[in-house]
């Protein structure tokens, strides 16, 4: 990639001044600090002759970073970035990212989460993911039948019963 836009050139050694992307030097040595968003700062002293010359400078792209927050925070959530398992915490930080990444989040009580994320040079991404519960089909039978079912203290009917229940931990009572 050519860094032609948003480039900043500062002279830190020698007697020179810059005009746009051109340096005019009155000495044979000139020290330059070159910066551009998304690239590492480049610092170098150049030995130059006083006749016009072109110097090509290759700047290194800065990697991006991800700050990820998953709600609800649950210790047994599995998080993968390009199939690499990330350590789970309330806020997950991953550095050194450039290019495309597949984010995958799995927990037994929630729908799986997938997202493709692209990191451009030096990009810092903050991502907040709200996991969505899933509906699970329950079939409850008892012997004898006509047993009263309470879910989380609420009457839910008599056996045999088929119902949809939101995923998660629940208290079931059969009487």
C-alpha atoms as a PDB file:
ATOM      1  CA  UNK A   1       0.000   0.000   0.000  1.00  0.00           C
ATOM      2  CA  UNK A   2       1.231   3.449  -0.781  1.00  0.00           C
ATOM      3  CA  UNK A   3       1.093   5.946   2.035  1.00  0.00           C
ATOM      4  CA  UNK A   4       0.401   9.050   0.029  1.00  0.00           C
ATOM      5  CA  UNK A   5      -2.430  10.604   2.012  1.00  0.00           C
ATOM      6  CA  UNK A   6      -2.246  11.849   5.614  1.00  0.00           C
ATOM      7  CA  UNK A   7       1.541  11.558   5.794  1.00  0.00           C
ATOM      8  CA  UNK A   8       3.364  13.820   8.225  1.00  0.00           C
ATOM      9  CA  UNK A   9       7.098  14.506   7.796  1.00  0.00           C
ATOM     10  CA  UNK A  10       9.152  16.254  10.487  1.00  0.00           C
ATOM     11  CA  UNK A  11      12.847  17.119  10.364  1.00  0.00           C
ATOM     12  CA  UNK A  12      14.615  16.335  13.651  1.00  0.00           C
ATOM     13  CA  UNK A  13      18.265  16.608  12.537  1.00  0.00           C
ATOM     14  CA  UNK A  14      20.067  18.718   9.964  1.00  0.00           C
ATOM     15  CA  UNK A  15      19.108  21.989   8.428  1.00  0.00           C
ATOM     16  CA  UNK A  16      16.102  21.293   6.237  1.00  0.00           C
ATOM     17  CA  UNK A  17      12.462  22.109   5.817  1.00  0.00           C
ATOM     18  CA  UNK A  18       9.607  20.251   4.234  1.00  0.00           C
ATOM     19  CA  UNK A  19       6.953  21.382   1.844  1.00  0.00           C
ATOM     20  CA  UNK A  20       4.253  18.768   1.376  1.00  0.00           C
ATOM     21  CA  UNK A  21       6.094  15.514   0.683  1.00  0.00           C
ATOM     22  CA  UNK A  22       9.317  17.208  -0.387  1.00  0.00           C
ATOM     23  CA  UNK A  23      12.310  17.929   1.826  1.00  0.00           C
ATOM     24  CA  UNK A  24      14.660  20.794   1.034  1.00  0.00           C
ATOM     25  CA  UNK A  25      17.980  20.302   2.815  1.00  0.00           C
ATOM     26  CA  UNK A  26      20.963  22.565   3.106  1.00  0.00           C
ATOM     27  CA  UNK A  27      23.077  19.828   4.739  1.00  0.00           C
ATOM     28  CA  UNK A  28      24.179  16.329   3.655  1.00  0.00           C
ATOM     29  CA  UNK A  29      22.549  14.649   6.651  1.00  0.00           C
ATOM     30  CA  UNK A  30      18.904  15.003   7.444  1.00  0.00           C
ATOM     31  CA  UNK A  31      16.933  13.161  10.135  1.00  0.00           C
ATOM     32  CA  UNK A  32      13.269  12.539   9.404  1.00  0.00           C
ATOM     33  CA  UNK A  33      10.319  11.337  11.444  1.00  0.00           C
ATOM     34  CA  UNK A  34       7.534  10.144   9.168  1.00  0.00           C
ATOM     35  CA  UNK A  35       4.097   9.226  10.458  1.00  0.00           C
ATOM     36  CA  UNK A  36       0.790   8.208   8.948  1.00  0.00           C
ATOM     37  CA  UNK A  37      -2.359   6.809  10.620  1.00  0.00           C
ATOM     38  CA  UNK A  38      -2.274   3.007  10.711  1.00  0.00           C
ATOM     39  CA  UNK A  39       1.514   2.758  10.246  1.00  0.00           C
ATOM     40  CA  UNK A  40       4.471   2.545  12.626  1.00  0.00           C
ATOM     41  CA  UNK A  41       6.398   5.783  13.023  1.00  0.00           C
ATOM     42  CA  UNK A  42       9.472   5.788  10.771  1.00  0.00           C
ATOM     43  CA  UNK A  43      12.618   7.537  12.056  1.00  0.00           C
ATOM     44  CA  UNK A  44      15.850   7.627  10.069  1.00  0.00           C
ATOM     45  CA  UNK A  45      18.914   9.757   9.321  1.00  0.00           C
ATOM     46  CA  UNK A  46      19.649  10.001   5.606  1.00  0.00           C
ATOM     47  CA  UNK A  47      22.959  10.826   3.896  1.00  0.00           C
ATOM     48  CA  UNK A  48      21.921  12.715   0.839  1.00  0.00           C
ATOM     49  CA  UNK A  49      23.678  14.664  -1.850  1.00  0.00           C
ATOM     50  CA  UNK A  50      22.461  18.171  -2.460  1.00  0.00           C
ATOM     51  CA  UNK A  51      21.139  17.413  -5.938  1.00  0.00           C
ATOM     52  CA  UNK A  52      17.497  16.299  -6.248  1.00  0.00           C
ATOM     53  CA  UNK A  53      16.893  12.653  -5.463  1.00  0.00           C
ATOM     54  CA  UNK A  54      13.899  10.483  -4.621  1.00  0.00           C
ATOM     55  CA  UNK A  55      13.938   8.253  -1.562  1.00  0.00           C
ATOM     56  CA  UNK A  56      11.345   5.509  -1.258  1.00  0.00           C
ATOM     57  CA  UNK A  57      10.357   4.713   2.327  1.00  0.00           C
ATOM     58  CA  UNK A  58       8.498   1.525   3.196  1.00  0.00           C
ATOM     59  CA  UNK A  59       6.385   1.903   6.332  1.00  0.00           C
ATOM     60  CA  UNK A  60       5.131  -1.042   8.363  1.00  0.00           C
ATOM     61  CA  UNK A  61       1.384  -1.399   8.917  1.00  0.00           C
ATOM     62  CA  UNK A  62       0.207  -1.392  12.515  1.00  0.00           C
ATOM     63  CA  UNK A  63      -1.932  -4.388  13.462  1.00  0.00           C
ATOM     64  CA  UNK A  64      -5.460  -3.925  14.785  1.00  0.00           C
ATOM     65  CA  UNK A  65      -6.965  -4.948  18.099  1.00  0.00           C
ATOM     66  CA  UNK A  66     -10.278  -6.269  19.389  1.00  0.00           C
ATOM     67  CA  UNK A  67     -11.955  -5.526  22.692  1.00  0.00           C
ATOM     68  CA  UNK A  68     -14.855  -7.960  23.139  1.00  0.00           C
ATOM     69  CA  UNK A  69     -17.566  -7.932  25.802  1.00  0.00           C
ATOM     70  CA  UNK A  70     -20.130 -10.750  25.893  1.00  0.00           C
ATOM     71  CA  UNK A  71     -23.401 -10.388  27.807  1.00  0.00           C
ATOM     72  CA  UNK A  72     -24.307 -12.206  29.866  1.00  0.00           C
ATOM     73  CA  UNK A  73     -20.837 -13.072  31.097  1.00  0.00           C
ATOM     74  CA  UNK A  74     -20.734 -16.798  31.855  1.00  0.00           C
ATOM     75  CA  UNK A  75     -17.536 -18.675  32.682  1.00  0.00           C
ATOM     76  CA  UNK A  76     -18.325 -21.664  30.445  1.00  0.00           C
ATOM     77  CA  UNK A  77     -18.750 -19.626  27.240  1.00  0.00           C
ATOM     78  CA  UNK A  78     -16.433 -20.771  24.438  1.00  0.00           C
ATOM     79  CA  UNK A  79     -14.942 -18.030  22.243  1.00  0.00           C
ATOM     80  CA  UNK A  80     -12.963 -18.686  19.050  1.00  0.00           C
ATOM     81  CA  UNK A  81     -11.249 -16.248  16.694  1.00  0.00           C
ATOM     82  CA  UNK A  82     -10.268 -18.075  13.479  1.00  0.00           C
ATOM     83  CA  UNK A  83     -10.632 -21.343  15.434  1.00  0.00           C
ATOM     84  CA  UNK A  84      -8.131 -20.152  18.072  1.00  0.00           C
ATOM     85  CA  UNK A  85      -9.736 -20.431  21.494  1.00  0.00           C
ATOM     86  CA  UNK A  86      -9.660 -17.148  23.419  1.00  0.00           C
ATOM     87  CA  UNK A  87      -9.456 -16.996  27.185  1.00  0.00           C
ATOM     88  CA  UNK A  88     -12.859 -16.025  28.524  1.00  0.00           C
ATOM     89  CA  UNK A  89     -13.132 -12.975  30.785  1.00  0.00           C
ATOM     90  CA  UNK A  90     -15.530 -10.063  31.283  1.00  0.00           C
ATOM     91  CA  UNK A  91     -13.614  -8.077  28.661  1.00  0.00           C
ATOM     92  CA  UNK A  92     -11.485 -10.000  26.165  1.00  0.00           C
ATOM     93  CA  UNK A  93      -8.643  -8.166  24.426  1.00  0.00           C
ATOM     94  CA  UNK A  94      -6.851  -9.556  21.386  1.00  0.00           C
ATOM     95  CA  UNK A  95      -3.966  -7.716  19.691  1.00  0.00           C
ATOM     96  CA  UNK A  96      -1.979  -8.056  16.464  1.00  0.00           C
ATOM     97  CA  UNK A  97      -4.929  -8.505  14.101  1.00  0.00           C
ATOM     98  CA  UNK A  98      -4.763  -7.748  10.377  1.00  0.00           C
ATOM     99  CA  UNK A  99      -7.228  -8.991   7.765  1.00  0.00           C
ATOM    100  CA  UNK A 100     -10.362 -11.136   8.066  1.00  0.00           C
ATOM    101  CA  UNK A 101     -11.298 -13.113  11.181  1.00  0.00           C
ATOM    102  CA  UNK A 102     -14.226 -15.375  12.029  1.00  0.00           C
ATOM    103  CA  UNK A 103     -15.583 -14.857  15.542  1.00  0.00           C
ATOM    104  CA  UNK A 104     -17.576 -17.724  17.039  1.00  0.00           C
ATOM    105  CA  UNK A 105     -19.207 -17.741  20.490  1.00  0.00           C
ATOM    106  CA  UNK A 106     -20.893 -20.840  21.938  1.00  0.00           C
ATOM    107  CA  UNK A 107     -22.744 -21.532  25.185  1.00  0.00           C
ATOM    108  CA  UNK A 108     -25.200 -24.395  25.821  1.00  0.00           C
ATOM    109  CA  UNK A 109     -28.040 -22.047  26.862  1.00  0.00           C
ATOM    110  CA  UNK A 110     -27.751 -19.578  23.989  1.00  0.00           C
ATOM    111  CA  UNK A 111     -27.901 -19.511  20.213  1.00  0.00           C
ATOM    112  CA  UNK A 112     -24.455 -19.717  18.603  1.00  0.00           C
ATOM    113  CA  UNK A 113     -23.005 -16.360  17.521  1.00  0.00           C
ATOM    114  CA  UNK A 114     -20.963 -15.956  14.318  1.00  0.00           C
ATOM    115  CA  UNK A 115     -19.477 -12.821  12.802  1.00  0.00           C
ATOM    116  CA  UNK A 116     -16.806 -12.083  10.219  1.00  0.00           C
ATOM    117  CA  UNK A 117     -14.655  -9.131  11.292  1.00  0.00           C
ATOM    118  CA  UNK A 118     -12.142  -7.296   9.119  1.00  0.00           C
ATOM    119  CA  UNK A 119      -9.255  -5.396  10.712  1.00  0.00           C
ATOM    120  CA  UNK A 120      -7.654  -2.682   8.648  1.00  0.00           C
ATOM    121  CA  UNK A 121      -4.276  -1.273   9.560  1.00  0.00           C
ATOM    122  CA  UNK A 122      -4.186   0.095  13.090  1.00  0.00           C
ATOM    123  CA  UNK A 123      -7.928  -0.378  13.592  1.00  0.00           C
ATOM    124  CA  UNK A 124      -9.153  -0.792  17.160  1.00  0.00           C
ATOM    125  CA  UNK A 125     -12.549  -2.493  17.284  1.00  0.00           C
ATOM    126  CA  UNK A 126     -14.854  -2.608  20.302  1.00  0.00           C
ATOM    127  CA  UNK A 127     -17.544  -5.274  20.023  1.00  0.00           C
ATOM    128  CA  UNK A 128     -20.370  -5.890  22.491  1.00  0.00           C
ATOM    129  CA  UNK A 129     -22.269  -9.121  21.887  1.00  0.00           C
ATOM    130  CA  UNK A 130     -25.628  -9.850  23.506  1.00  0.00           C
ATOM    131  CA  UNK A 131     -26.247 -13.608  23.399  1.00  0.00           C
ATOM    132  CA  UNK A 132     -29.809 -14.677  22.572  1.00  0.00           C
ATOM    133  CA  UNK A 133     -31.570 -17.472  24.441  1.00  0.00           C
ATOM    134  CA  UNK A 134     -33.106 -20.301  22.483  1.00  0.00           C
ATOM    135  CA  UNK A 135     -36.500 -21.982  22.815  1.00  0.00           C
ATOM    136  CA  UNK A 136     -36.317 -25.665  23.656  1.00  0.00           C
ATOM    137  CA  UNK A 137     -39.136 -28.166  23.159  1.00  0.00           C
ATOM    138  CA  UNK A 138     -39.926 -30.079  26.367  1.00  0.00           C
ATOM    139  CA  UNK A 139     -41.917 -33.303  26.587  1.00  0.00           C
ATOM    140  CA  UNK A 140     -42.766 -34.219  30.172  1.00  0.00           C
ATOM    141  CA  UNK A 141     -44.491 -37.474  31.067  1.00  0.00           C
ATOM    142  CA  UNK A 142     -45.095 -39.149  34.396  1.00  0.00           C
ATOM    143  CA  UNK A 143     -46.426 -42.393  35.777  1.00  0.00           C
ATOM    144  CA  UNK A 144     -49.136 -41.954  36.848  1.00  0.00           C
ATOM    145  CA  UNK A 145     -50.162 -39.200  34.436  1.00  0.00           C
ATOM    146  CA  UNK A 146     -51.992 -35.995  35.432  1.00  0.00           C
ATOM    147  CA  UNK A 147     -49.071 -34.892  37.635  1.00  0.00           C
ATOM    148  CA  UNK A 148     -48.953 -31.117  38.166  1.00  0.00           C
ATOM    149  CA  UNK A 149     -45.844 -29.453  36.687  1.00  0.00           C
ATOM    150  CA  UNK A 150     -44.459 -26.254  38.151  1.00  0.00           C
ATOM    151  CA  UNK A 151     -41.595 -24.480  36.401  1.00  0.00           C
ATOM    152  CA  UNK A 152     -39.891 -21.805  38.493  1.00  0.00           C
ATOM    153  CA  UNK A 153     -42.856 -21.933  40.890  1.00  0.00           C
ATOM    154  CA  UNK A 154     -45.471 -21.302  38.157  1.00  0.00           C
ATOM    155  CA  UNK A 155     -48.158 -23.874  37.279  1.00  0.00           C
ATOM    156  CA  UNK A 156     -47.416 -25.064  33.776  1.00  0.00           C
ATOM    157  CA  UNK A 157     -50.016 -27.795  33.292  1.00  0.00           C
ATOM    158  CA  UNK A 158     -50.375 -31.533  33.839  1.00  0.00           C
ATOM    159  CA  UNK A 159     -48.533 -34.488  32.371  1.00  0.00           C
ATOM    160  CA  UNK A 160     -48.243 -35.529  29.647  1.00  0.00           C
ATOM    161  CA  UNK A 161     -47.267 -32.062  28.408  1.00  0.00           C
ATOM    162  CA  UNK A 162     -45.373 -30.660  25.448  1.00  0.00           C
ATOM    163  CA  UNK A 163     -44.205 -27.054  25.630  1.00  0.00           C
ATOM    164  CA  UNK A 164     -41.559 -24.564  24.536  1.00  0.00           C
ATOM    165  CA  UNK A 165     -39.277 -23.315  27.299  1.00  0.00           C
ATOM    166  CA  UNK A 166     -36.583 -20.653  27.141  1.00  0.00           C
ATOM    167  CA  UNK A 167     -33.074 -22.086  27.567  1.00  0.00           C
ATOM    168  CA  UNK A 168     -31.333 -21.702  30.910  1.00  0.00           C
ATOM    169  CA  UNK A 169     -31.510 -23.162  34.400  1.00  0.00           C
ATOM    170  CA  UNK A 170     -35.038 -23.735  35.771  1.00  0.00           C
ATOM    171  CA  UNK A 171     -36.592 -25.308  38.834  1.00  0.00           C
ATOM    172  CA  UNK A 172     -38.997 -28.138  37.932  1.00  0.00           C
ATOM    173  CA  UNK A 173     -41.435 -29.622  40.419  1.00  0.00           C
ATOM    174  CA  UNK A 174     -43.655 -32.607  39.650  1.00  0.00           C
ATOM    175  CA  UNK A 175     -46.444 -33.425  42.099  1.00  0.00           C
END
